[in-house]
Amino acid sequence: MNVRNRPDTNSLSFINGSNKVMHRKIFQASQEAADLNGGLVEIYRTEVVTQKTRTVRLLGVKCAAKIIQTLLGYEVQAMHKRIQCPDLVTARYLKLFSELGCHSIRIPYDPTVTARLIPIMESAFQSIMDTVARIFPKDLKRRQYVVRKIFAVVRNELRNAV
């Protein structure tokens, strides 16, 4: 490993002896650093799944999603798929899970529940990104790789939360 790709000293606790990154440990550290009650998956498990929900099918590929305002409300566009949303809170919720790469997600029927949870979930998502950027400040390829793997861990745990 050359000097440029060497992780900083803060990240050494996240790399085991055979130079492999421990993704679950980074994910747990990011959720603890944000001072969240269990993090993104635990919030989904306790606050969303226990409510009356509907299931929305998403693209199922990790990609950049964007929110588009239309005459009839909002749309979340992830690659070629567009999902109609009645309000901005629902659009933010679907955008978050589209960026995680989920195939389908449960969304509460009650928009006030979604409005209460979305800021917490967005901060948990941002905490993952910030933690990985802090651990690997100079190595963009490794950072992208670790984010992909952490998102796979999150998707797997969300699937098991149901």
N, C-alpha and C. Protein backbone atom coordinates (compact mmCIF):
# COMPACT_ATOMS: atom_id res chain seq x y z
N MET A 1 0.86 -1.18 0.00
CA MET A 1 0.00 0.00 0.00
C MET A 1 0.90 1.23 0.00
N ASN A 2 0.70 2.09 -0.98
CA ASN A 2 1.56 3.28 -1.04
C ASN A 2 1.06 4.34 -0.05
N VAL A 3 1.81 5.40 0.07
CA VAL A 3 1.51 6.43 1.07
C VAL A 3 0.17 7.10 0.79
N ARG A 4 -0.16 7.31 -0.47
CA ARG A 4 -1.38 8.01 -0.82
C ARG A 4 -2.63 7.20 -0.44
N ASN A 5 -2.58 5.89 -0.58
CA ASN A 5 -3.74 5.06 -0.30
C ASN A 5 -3.78 4.55 1.14
N ARG A 6 -2.79 4.90 1.93
CA ARG A 6 -2.76 4.45 3.30
C ARG A 6 -3.81 5.20 4.11
N PRO A 7 -4.66 4.48 4.87
CA PRO A 7 -5.64 5.16 5.70
C PRO A 7 -4.96 5.92 6.83
N ASP A 8 -5.64 6.93 7.36
CA ASP A 8 -5.04 7.69 8.45
C ASP A 8 -5.07 6.87 9.74
N THR A 9 -4.45 7.38 10.77
CA THR A 9 -4.31 6.62 12.01
C THR A 9 -5.64 6.39 12.70
N ASN A 10 -6.64 7.24 12.46
CA ASN A 10 -7.95 7.04 13.06
C ASN A 10 -8.64 5.81 12.52
N SER A 11 -8.32 5.41 11.30
CA SER A 11 -9.01 4.31 10.65
C SER A 11 -8.40 2.96 10.95
N LEU A 12 -7.26 2.92 11.61
CA LEU A 12 -6.60 1.64 11.85
C LEU A 12 -7.43 0.69 12.69
N SER A 13 -8.30 1.20 13.54
CA SER A 13 -9.15 0.33 14.34
C SER A 13 -10.26 -0.30 13.51
N PHE A 14 -10.48 0.19 12.29
CA PHE A 14 -11.51 -0.36 11.41
C PHE A 14 -10.95 -1.29 10.35
N ILE A 15 -9.64 -1.56 10.41
CA ILE A 15 -8.99 -2.45 9.46
C ILE A 15 -8.36 -3.57 10.26
N ASN A 16 -8.68 -4.82 9.90
CA ASN A 16 -8.12 -5.93 10.67
C ASN A 16 -6.71 -6.25 10.19
N GLY A 17 -6.10 -7.28 10.74
CA GLY A 17 -4.71 -7.62 10.46
C GLY A 17 -4.42 -7.96 9.02
N SER A 18 -5.41 -8.48 8.29
CA SER A 18 -5.18 -8.85 6.90
C SER A 18 -5.58 -7.71 5.94
N ASN A 19 -5.61 -6.48 6.47
CA ASN A 19 -5.86 -5.27 5.67
C ASN A 19 -7.28 -5.24 5.08
N LYS A 20 -8.24 -5.88 5.76
CA LYS A 20 -9.63 -5.85 5.31
C LYS A 20 -10.40 -4.85 6.17
N VAL A 21 -11.29 -4.12 5.53
CA VAL A 21 -12.09 -3.11 6.21
C VAL A 21 -13.27 -3.81 6.88
N MET A 22 -13.54 -3.44 8.13
CA MET A 22 -14.66 -4.01 8.88
C MET A 22 -15.87 -3.08 8.74
N HIS A 23 -16.71 -3.38 7.76
CA HIS A 23 -17.82 -2.50 7.38
C HIS A 23 -18.86 -2.36 8.48
N ARG A 24 -19.22 -3.47 9.11
CA ARG A 24 -20.22 -3.41 10.17
C ARG A 24 -19.74 -2.53 11.33
N LYS A 25 -18.47 -2.62 11.64
CA LYS A 25 -17.91 -1.83 12.73
C LYS A 25 -17.96 -0.33 12.39
N ILE A 26 -17.68 0.01 11.14
CA ILE A 26 -17.77 1.40 10.70
C ILE A 26 -19.21 1.88 10.76
N PHE A 27 -20.14 1.03 10.33
CA PHE A 27 -21.57 1.38 10.36
C PHE A 27 -22.02 1.64 11.79
N GLN A 28 -21.65 0.75 12.71
CA GLN A 28 -22.03 0.93 14.11
C GLN A 28 -21.40 2.19 14.70
N ALA A 29 -20.15 2.45 14.35
CA ALA A 29 -19.47 3.65 14.85
C ALA A 29 -20.13 4.92 14.32
N SER A 30 -20.59 4.89 13.07
CA SER A 30 -21.23 6.08 12.51
C SER A 30 -22.55 6.37 13.19
N GLN A 31 -23.29 5.33 13.55
CA GLN A 31 -24.57 5.53 14.22
C GLN A 31 -24.37 5.97 15.67
N GLU A 32 -23.31 5.47 16.31
CA GLU A 32 -23.01 5.89 17.68
C GLU A 32 -22.48 7.32 17.71
N ALA A 33 -21.71 7.70 16.68
CA ALA A 33 -21.15 9.04 16.62
C ALA A 33 -22.24 10.09 16.45
N ALA A 34 -23.30 9.72 15.78
CA ALA A 34 -24.40 10.66 15.56
C ALA A 34 -25.33 10.74 16.77
N ASP A 35 -25.04 9.92 17.80
CA ASP A 35 -25.85 9.88 19.01
C ASP A 35 -27.31 9.58 18.68
N LEU A 36 -27.49 8.58 17.81
CA LEU A 36 -28.83 8.16 17.42
C LEU A 36 -29.22 6.93 18.22
N ASN A 37 -30.48 6.81 18.51
CA ASN A 37 -30.96 5.65 19.28
C ASN A 37 -30.99 4.42 18.39
N GLY A 38 -29.87 3.75 18.25
CA GLY A 38 -29.80 2.53 17.46
C GLY A 38 -29.55 2.78 15.99
N GLY A 39 -29.66 3.98 15.54
CA GLY A 39 -29.36 4.29 14.15
C GLY A 39 -30.53 4.08 13.21
N LEU A 40 -30.22 4.14 11.95
CA LEU A 40 -31.20 4.10 10.86
C LEU A 40 -32.05 2.83 10.90
N VAL A 41 -31.43 1.69 11.05
CA VAL A 41 -32.15 0.42 11.02
C VAL A 41 -33.06 0.28 12.24
N GLU A 42 -32.56 0.66 13.39
CA GLU A 42 -33.37 0.53 14.61
C GLU A 42 -34.57 1.47 14.57
N ILE A 43 -34.39 2.67 14.05
CA ILE A 43 -35.52 3.61 13.90
C ILE A 43 -36.56 3.02 12.96
N TYR A 44 -36.10 2.46 11.86
CA TYR A 44 -37.01 1.83 10.91
C TYR A 44 -37.75 0.67 11.58
N ARG A 45 -37.03 -0.16 12.32
CA ARG A 45 -37.61 -1.34 12.96
C ARG A 45 -38.64 -0.95 14.02
N THR A 46 -38.35 0.05 14.83
CA THR A 46 -39.23 0.38 15.95
C THR A 46 -40.31 1.39 15.60
N GLU A 47 -40.02 2.31 14.69
CA GLU A 47 -40.96 3.40 14.42
C GLU A 47 -41.79 3.20 13.15
N VAL A 48 -41.24 2.54 12.15
CA VAL A 48 -41.95 2.41 10.88
C VAL A 48 -42.69 1.08 10.80
N VAL A 49 -41.99 -0.01 11.03
CA VAL A 49 -42.59 -1.33 10.87
C VAL A 49 -43.75 -1.55 11.83
N THR A 50 -43.73 -0.93 12.98
CA THR A 50 -44.80 -1.10 13.97
C THR A 50 -46.06 -0.31 13.60
N GLN A 51 -45.96 0.64 12.68
CA GLN A 51 -47.09 1.45 12.25
C GLN A 51 -47.85 0.76 11.12
N LYS A 52 -49.00 1.30 10.78
CA LYS A 52 -49.71 0.85 9.59
C LYS A 52 -48.98 1.46 8.39
N THR A 53 -48.51 0.60 7.48
CA THR A 53 -47.65 1.06 6.39
C THR A 53 -48.15 0.54 5.05
N ARG A 54 -47.60 1.13 4.02
CA ARG A 54 -47.76 0.62 2.66
C ARG A 54 -46.37 0.36 2.11
N THR A 55 -46.28 -0.52 1.15
CA THR A 55 -44.99 -0.87 0.57
C THR A 55 -44.84 -0.16 -0.78
N VAL A 56 -43.69 0.46 -0.97
CA VAL A 56 -43.38 1.14 -2.22
C VAL A 56 -42.18 0.45 -2.85
N ARG A 57 -42.31 0.10 -4.11
CA ARG A 57 -41.21 -0.53 -4.82
C ARG A 57 -40.29 0.55 -5.39
N LEU A 58 -39.00 0.36 -5.14
CA LEU A 58 -38.00 1.30 -5.62
C LEU A 58 -37.16 0.62 -6.69
N LEU A 59 -36.17 1.31 -7.17
CA LEU A 59 -35.34 0.80 -8.26
C LEU A 59 -34.49 -0.39 -7.82
N GLY A 60 -33.96 -0.36 -6.63
CA GLY A 60 -33.14 -1.45 -6.13
C GLY A 60 -31.68 -1.36 -6.51
N VAL A 61 -31.26 -0.18 -6.94
CA VAL A 61 -29.87 0.06 -7.31
C VAL A 61 -29.42 1.32 -6.59
N LYS A 62 -28.22 1.27 -5.99
CA LYS A 62 -27.68 2.45 -5.33
C LYS A 62 -27.37 3.49 -6.39
N CYS A 63 -28.07 4.61 -6.32
CA CYS A 63 -27.84 5.68 -7.29
C CYS A 63 -28.25 7.01 -6.67
N ALA A 64 -27.84 8.07 -7.31
CA ALA A 64 -28.22 9.41 -6.85
C ALA A 64 -29.67 9.66 -7.26
N ALA A 65 -30.50 9.95 -6.30
CA ALA A 65 -31.90 10.26 -6.58
C ALA A 65 -32.11 11.75 -6.41
N LYS A 66 -33.08 12.26 -7.14
CA LYS A 66 -33.38 13.69 -6.98
C LYS A 66 -34.88 13.89 -6.89
N ILE A 67 -35.26 14.97 -6.23
CA ILE A 67 -36.66 15.31 -6.03
C ILE A 67 -37.02 16.39 -7.04
N ILE A 68 -38.10 16.14 -7.77
CA ILE A 68 -38.58 17.08 -8.79
C ILE A 68 -39.96 17.56 -8.38
N GLN A 69 -40.14 18.88 -8.38
CA GLN A 69 -41.46 19.42 -8.06
C GLN A 69 -42.28 19.49 -9.35
N THR A 70 -43.49 18.93 -9.31
CA THR A 70 -44.39 18.93 -10.47
C THR A 70 -45.67 19.68 -10.11
N LEU A 71 -46.57 19.78 -11.07
CA LEU A 71 -47.85 20.45 -10.82
C LEU A 71 -48.71 19.66 -9.83
N LEU A 72 -48.54 18.35 -9.79
CA LEU A 72 -49.37 17.50 -8.94
C LEU A 72 -48.70 17.10 -7.63
N GLY A 73 -47.56 17.66 -7.33
CA GLY A 73 -46.86 17.31 -6.10
C GLY A 73 -45.37 17.19 -6.36
N TYR A 74 -44.82 16.05 -6.00
CA TYR A 74 -43.38 15.81 -6.15
C TYR A 74 -43.15 14.45 -6.78
N GLU A 75 -42.00 14.31 -7.40
CA GLU A 75 -41.55 13.04 -7.93
C GLU A 75 -40.13 12.79 -7.45
N VAL A 76 -39.85 11.53 -7.17
CA VAL A 76 -38.48 11.12 -6.88
C VAL A 76 -37.99 10.39 -8.11
N GLN A 77 -36.90 10.89 -8.69
CA GLN A 77 -36.34 10.27 -9.88
C GLN A 77 -35.02 9.60 -9.51
N ALA A 78 -35.00 8.29 -9.71
CA ALA A 78 -33.78 7.51 -9.51
C ALA A 78 -33.52 6.79 -10.82
N MET A 79 -32.50 7.24 -11.51
CA MET A 79 -32.18 6.76 -12.87
C MET A 79 -33.40 6.95 -13.76
N HIS A 80 -33.98 5.84 -14.25
CA HIS A 80 -35.10 5.97 -15.17
C HIS A 80 -36.46 5.88 -14.49
N LYS A 81 -36.49 5.54 -13.22
CA LYS A 81 -37.75 5.36 -12.51
C LYS A 81 -38.18 6.64 -11.80
N ARG A 82 -39.46 6.97 -11.94
CA ARG A 82 -40.03 8.13 -11.25
C ARG A 82 -41.16 7.66 -10.37
N ILE A 83 -41.17 8.16 -9.14
CA ILE A 83 -42.20 7.77 -8.18
C ILE A 83 -42.95 9.03 -7.76
N GLN A 84 -44.27 9.03 -7.95
CA GLN A 84 -45.10 10.17 -7.57
C GLN A 84 -45.24 10.23 -6.05
N CYS A 85 -45.13 11.44 -5.50
CA CYS A 85 -45.26 11.64 -4.06
C CYS A 85 -46.21 12.81 -3.81
N PRO A 86 -47.09 12.68 -2.83
CA PRO A 86 -48.04 13.76 -2.57
C PRO A 86 -47.42 14.97 -1.88
N ASP A 87 -46.33 14.75 -1.12
CA ASP A 87 -45.73 15.86 -0.38
C ASP A 87 -44.21 15.70 -0.32
N LEU A 88 -43.55 16.74 0.13
CA LEU A 88 -42.09 16.78 0.18
C LEU A 88 -41.52 15.79 1.19
N VAL A 89 -42.21 15.58 2.29
CA VAL A 89 -41.72 14.65 3.32
C VAL A 89 -41.64 13.23 2.77
N THR A 90 -42.68 12.81 2.08
CA THR A 90 -42.70 11.48 1.46
C THR A 90 -41.60 11.39 0.40
N ALA A 91 -41.41 12.44 -0.36
CA ALA A 91 -40.36 12.45 -1.39
C ALA A 91 -38.98 12.32 -0.76
N ARG A 92 -38.74 13.02 0.34
CA ARG A 92 -37.44 12.91 1.04
C ARG A 92 -37.23 11.51 1.57
N TYR A 93 -38.28 10.90 2.10
CA TYR A 93 -38.21 9.54 2.64
C TYR A 93 -37.84 8.55 1.53
N LEU A 94 -38.53 8.65 0.40
CA LEU A 94 -38.25 7.73 -0.72
C LEU A 94 -36.88 7.99 -1.34
N LYS A 95 -36.47 9.24 -1.38
CA LYS A 95 -35.14 9.58 -1.91
C LYS A 95 -34.04 8.94 -1.06
N LEU A 96 -34.18 8.99 0.25
CA LEU A 96 -33.20 8.41 1.15
C LEU A 96 -33.03 6.91 0.89
N PHE A 97 -34.14 6.19 0.80
CA PHE A 97 -34.06 4.75 0.60
C PHE A 97 -33.70 4.39 -0.84
N SER A 98 -33.97 5.27 -1.79
CA SER A 98 -33.51 5.06 -3.16
C SER A 98 -31.99 5.16 -3.23
N GLU A 99 -31.44 6.12 -2.50
CA GLU A 99 -29.98 6.29 -2.49
C GLU A 99 -29.28 5.15 -1.76
N LEU A 100 -29.98 4.51 -0.83
CA LEU A 100 -29.43 3.32 -0.18
C LEU A 100 -29.45 2.11 -1.11
N GLY A 101 -30.32 2.14 -2.12
CA GLY A 101 -30.40 1.04 -3.08
C GLY A 101 -31.41 -0.02 -2.70
N CYS A 102 -32.43 0.32 -1.93
CA CYS A 102 -33.44 -0.65 -1.51
C CYS A 102 -34.37 -1.01 -2.67
N HIS A 103 -34.83 -2.28 -2.69
CA HIS A 103 -35.78 -2.73 -3.71
C HIS A 103 -37.20 -2.28 -3.39
N SER A 104 -37.55 -2.39 -2.13
CA SER A 104 -38.86 -1.93 -1.68
C SER A 104 -38.73 -1.47 -0.24
N ILE A 105 -39.64 -0.61 0.16
CA ILE A 105 -39.56 -0.02 1.48
C ILE A 105 -40.97 0.22 1.99
N ARG A 106 -41.12 0.15 3.29
CA ARG A 106 -42.41 0.47 3.90
C ARG A 106 -42.42 1.95 4.27
N ILE A 107 -43.57 2.55 4.02
CA ILE A 107 -43.74 3.97 4.36
C ILE A 107 -45.02 4.10 5.17
N PRO A 108 -44.99 4.81 6.29
CA PRO A 108 -46.19 4.94 7.12
C PRO A 108 -47.31 5.69 6.38
N TYR A 109 -48.53 5.26 6.63
CA TYR A 109 -49.68 5.97 6.05
C TYR A 109 -49.79 7.37 6.64
N ASP A 110 -49.44 7.50 7.89
CA ASP A 110 -49.55 8.78 8.59
C ASP A 110 -48.36 9.67 8.25
N PRO A 111 -48.57 10.76 7.50
CA PRO A 111 -47.45 11.62 7.11
C PRO A 111 -46.79 12.34 8.28
N THR A 112 -47.48 12.48 9.41
CA THR A 112 -46.84 13.12 10.56
C THR A 112 -45.75 12.23 11.15
N VAL A 113 -45.93 10.92 11.07
CA VAL A 113 -44.89 9.99 11.53
C VAL A 113 -43.67 10.13 10.63
N THR A 114 -43.90 10.16 9.33
CA THR A 114 -42.80 10.32 8.37
C THR A 114 -42.09 11.65 8.60
N ALA A 115 -42.86 12.71 8.82
CA ALA A 115 -42.27 14.04 9.04
C ALA A 115 -41.42 14.07 10.30
N ARG A 116 -41.80 13.31 11.31
CA ARG A 116 -41.02 13.26 12.54
C ARG A 116 -39.75 12.44 12.36
N LEU A 117 -39.80 11.39 11.55
CA LEU A 117 -38.67 10.47 11.42
C LEU A 117 -37.64 10.89 10.37
N ILE A 118 -38.05 11.58 9.33
CA ILE A 118 -37.14 11.84 8.21
C ILE A 118 -35.91 12.66 8.61
N PRO A 119 -36.00 13.68 9.46
CA PRO A 119 -34.76 14.38 9.84
C PRO A 119 -33.77 13.47 10.58
N ILE A 120 -34.28 12.59 11.42
CA ILE A 120 -33.42 11.67 12.15
C ILE A 120 -32.76 10.69 11.19
N MET A 121 -33.54 10.17 10.26
CA MET A 121 -33.01 9.21 9.28
C MET A 121 -31.99 9.86 8.35
N GLU A 122 -32.26 11.08 7.94
CA GLU A 122 -31.31 11.79 7.08
C GLU A 122 -30.01 12.07 7.82
N SER A 123 -30.10 12.40 9.10
CA SER A 123 -28.86 12.63 9.85
C SER A 123 -28.09 11.33 10.05
N ALA A 124 -28.79 10.20 10.20
CA ALA A 124 -28.11 8.91 10.29
C ALA A 124 -27.41 8.57 8.97
N PHE A 125 -28.06 8.86 7.87
CA PHE A 125 -27.48 8.63 6.55
C PHE A 125 -26.24 9.50 6.37
N GLN A 126 -26.35 10.77 6.74
CA GLN A 126 -25.21 11.69 6.61
C GLN A 126 -24.08 11.30 7.55
N SER A 127 -24.43 10.76 8.69
CA SER A 127 -23.41 10.30 9.63
C SER A 127 -22.57 9.17 9.04
N ILE A 128 -23.20 8.28 8.29
CA ILE A 128 -22.45 7.21 7.62
C ILE A 128 -21.46 7.82 6.64
N MET A 129 -21.92 8.76 5.84
CA MET A 129 -21.06 9.39 4.84
C MET A 129 -19.91 10.15 5.50
N ASP A 130 -20.20 10.88 6.57
CA ASP A 130 -19.17 11.66 7.27
C ASP A 130 -18.14 10.77 7.95
N THR A 131 -18.60 9.67 8.54
CA THR A 131 -17.68 8.77 9.22
C THR A 131 -16.71 8.13 8.23
N VAL A 132 -17.23 7.69 7.10
CA VAL A 132 -16.37 7.08 6.08
C VAL A 132 -15.40 8.12 5.52
N ALA A 133 -15.87 9.34 5.30
CA ALA A 133 -14.98 10.39 4.79
C ALA A 133 -13.90 10.74 5.81
N ARG A 134 -14.22 10.67 7.10
CA ARG A 134 -13.24 10.95 8.14
C ARG A 134 -12.19 9.83 8.24
N ILE A 135 -12.64 8.59 8.05
CA ILE A 135 -11.72 7.45 8.16
C ILE A 135 -10.78 7.37 6.96
N PHE A 136 -11.31 7.63 5.77
CA PHE A 136 -10.51 7.56 4.55
C PHE A 136 -10.54 8.92 3.84
N PRO A 137 -9.82 9.91 4.37
CA PRO A 137 -9.93 11.27 3.82
C PRO A 137 -9.32 11.44 2.44
N LYS A 138 -8.30 10.66 2.09
CA LYS A 138 -7.61 10.89 0.83
C LYS A 138 -7.87 9.83 -0.23
N ASP A 139 -8.43 8.70 0.16
CA ASP A 139 -8.58 7.58 -0.75
C ASP A 139 -10.04 7.48 -1.22
N LEU A 140 -10.36 8.13 -2.34
CA LEU A 140 -11.73 8.19 -2.84
C LEU A 140 -12.24 6.81 -3.25
N LYS A 141 -11.41 6.01 -3.89
CA LYS A 141 -11.86 4.69 -4.33
C LYS A 141 -12.23 3.81 -3.14
N ARG A 142 -11.39 3.81 -2.12
CA ARG A 142 -11.69 3.00 -0.94
C ARG A 142 -12.92 3.55 -0.23
N ARG A 143 -13.09 4.86 -0.19
CA ARG A 143 -14.26 5.47 0.43
C ARG A 143 -15.55 5.01 -0.29
N GLN A 144 -15.53 5.04 -1.62
CA GLN A 144 -16.70 4.59 -2.38
C GLN A 144 -16.98 3.11 -2.14
N TYR A 145 -15.93 2.32 -2.09
CA TYR A 145 -16.06 0.89 -1.83
C TYR A 145 -16.68 0.64 -0.46
N VAL A 146 -16.19 1.33 0.55
CA VAL A 146 -16.69 1.14 1.91
C VAL A 146 -18.15 1.59 2.01
N VAL A 147 -18.50 2.71 1.39
CA VAL A 147 -19.88 3.18 1.41
C VAL A 147 -20.80 2.15 0.75
N ARG A 148 -20.38 1.60 -0.37
CA ARG A 148 -21.17 0.56 -1.05
C ARG A 148 -21.41 -0.63 -0.14
N LYS A 149 -20.35 -1.07 0.53
CA LYS A 149 -20.47 -2.23 1.41
C LYS A 149 -21.33 -1.92 2.64
N ILE A 150 -21.20 -0.73 3.19
CA ILE A 150 -22.03 -0.35 4.34
C ILE A 150 -23.49 -0.27 3.93
N PHE A 151 -23.77 0.28 2.76
CA PHE A 151 -25.15 0.34 2.28
C PHE A 151 -25.71 -1.06 2.09
N ALA A 152 -24.88 -2.01 1.67
CA ALA A 152 -25.33 -3.40 1.54
C ALA A 152 -25.69 -3.97 2.91
N VAL A 153 -24.90 -3.63 3.92
CA VAL A 153 -25.20 -4.06 5.30
C VAL A 153 -26.53 -3.46 5.74
N VAL A 154 -26.73 -2.17 5.47
CA VAL A 154 -27.96 -1.49 5.87
C VAL A 154 -29.16 -2.12 5.16
N ARG A 155 -29.04 -2.37 3.85
CA ARG A 155 -30.15 -2.99 3.10
C ARG A 155 -30.49 -4.36 3.68
N ASN A 156 -29.48 -5.13 4.00
CA ASN A 156 -29.71 -6.46 4.56
C ASN A 156 -30.42 -6.37 5.91
N GLU A 157 -30.00 -5.44 6.75
CA GLU A 157 -30.63 -5.28 8.06
C GLU A 157 -32.05 -4.74 7.93
N LEU A 158 -32.29 -3.87 6.95
CA LEU A 158 -33.66 -3.36 6.72
C LEU A 158 -34.56 -4.50 6.26
N ARG A 159 -34.06 -5.36 5.41
CA ARG A 159 -34.82 -6.52 4.94
C ARG A 159 -35.18 -7.43 6.12
N ASN A 160 -34.24 -7.62 7.02
CA ASN A 160 -34.47 -8.49 8.18
C ASN A 160 -35.32 -7.82 9.25
N ALA A 161 -35.50 -6.51 9.18
CA ALA A 161 -36.28 -5.79 10.19
C ALA A 161 -37.77 -6.05 10.04
N VAL A 162 -38.18 -6.50 8.88
CA VAL A 162 -39.61 -6.70 8.60
C VAL A 162 -40.09 -7.95 9.18
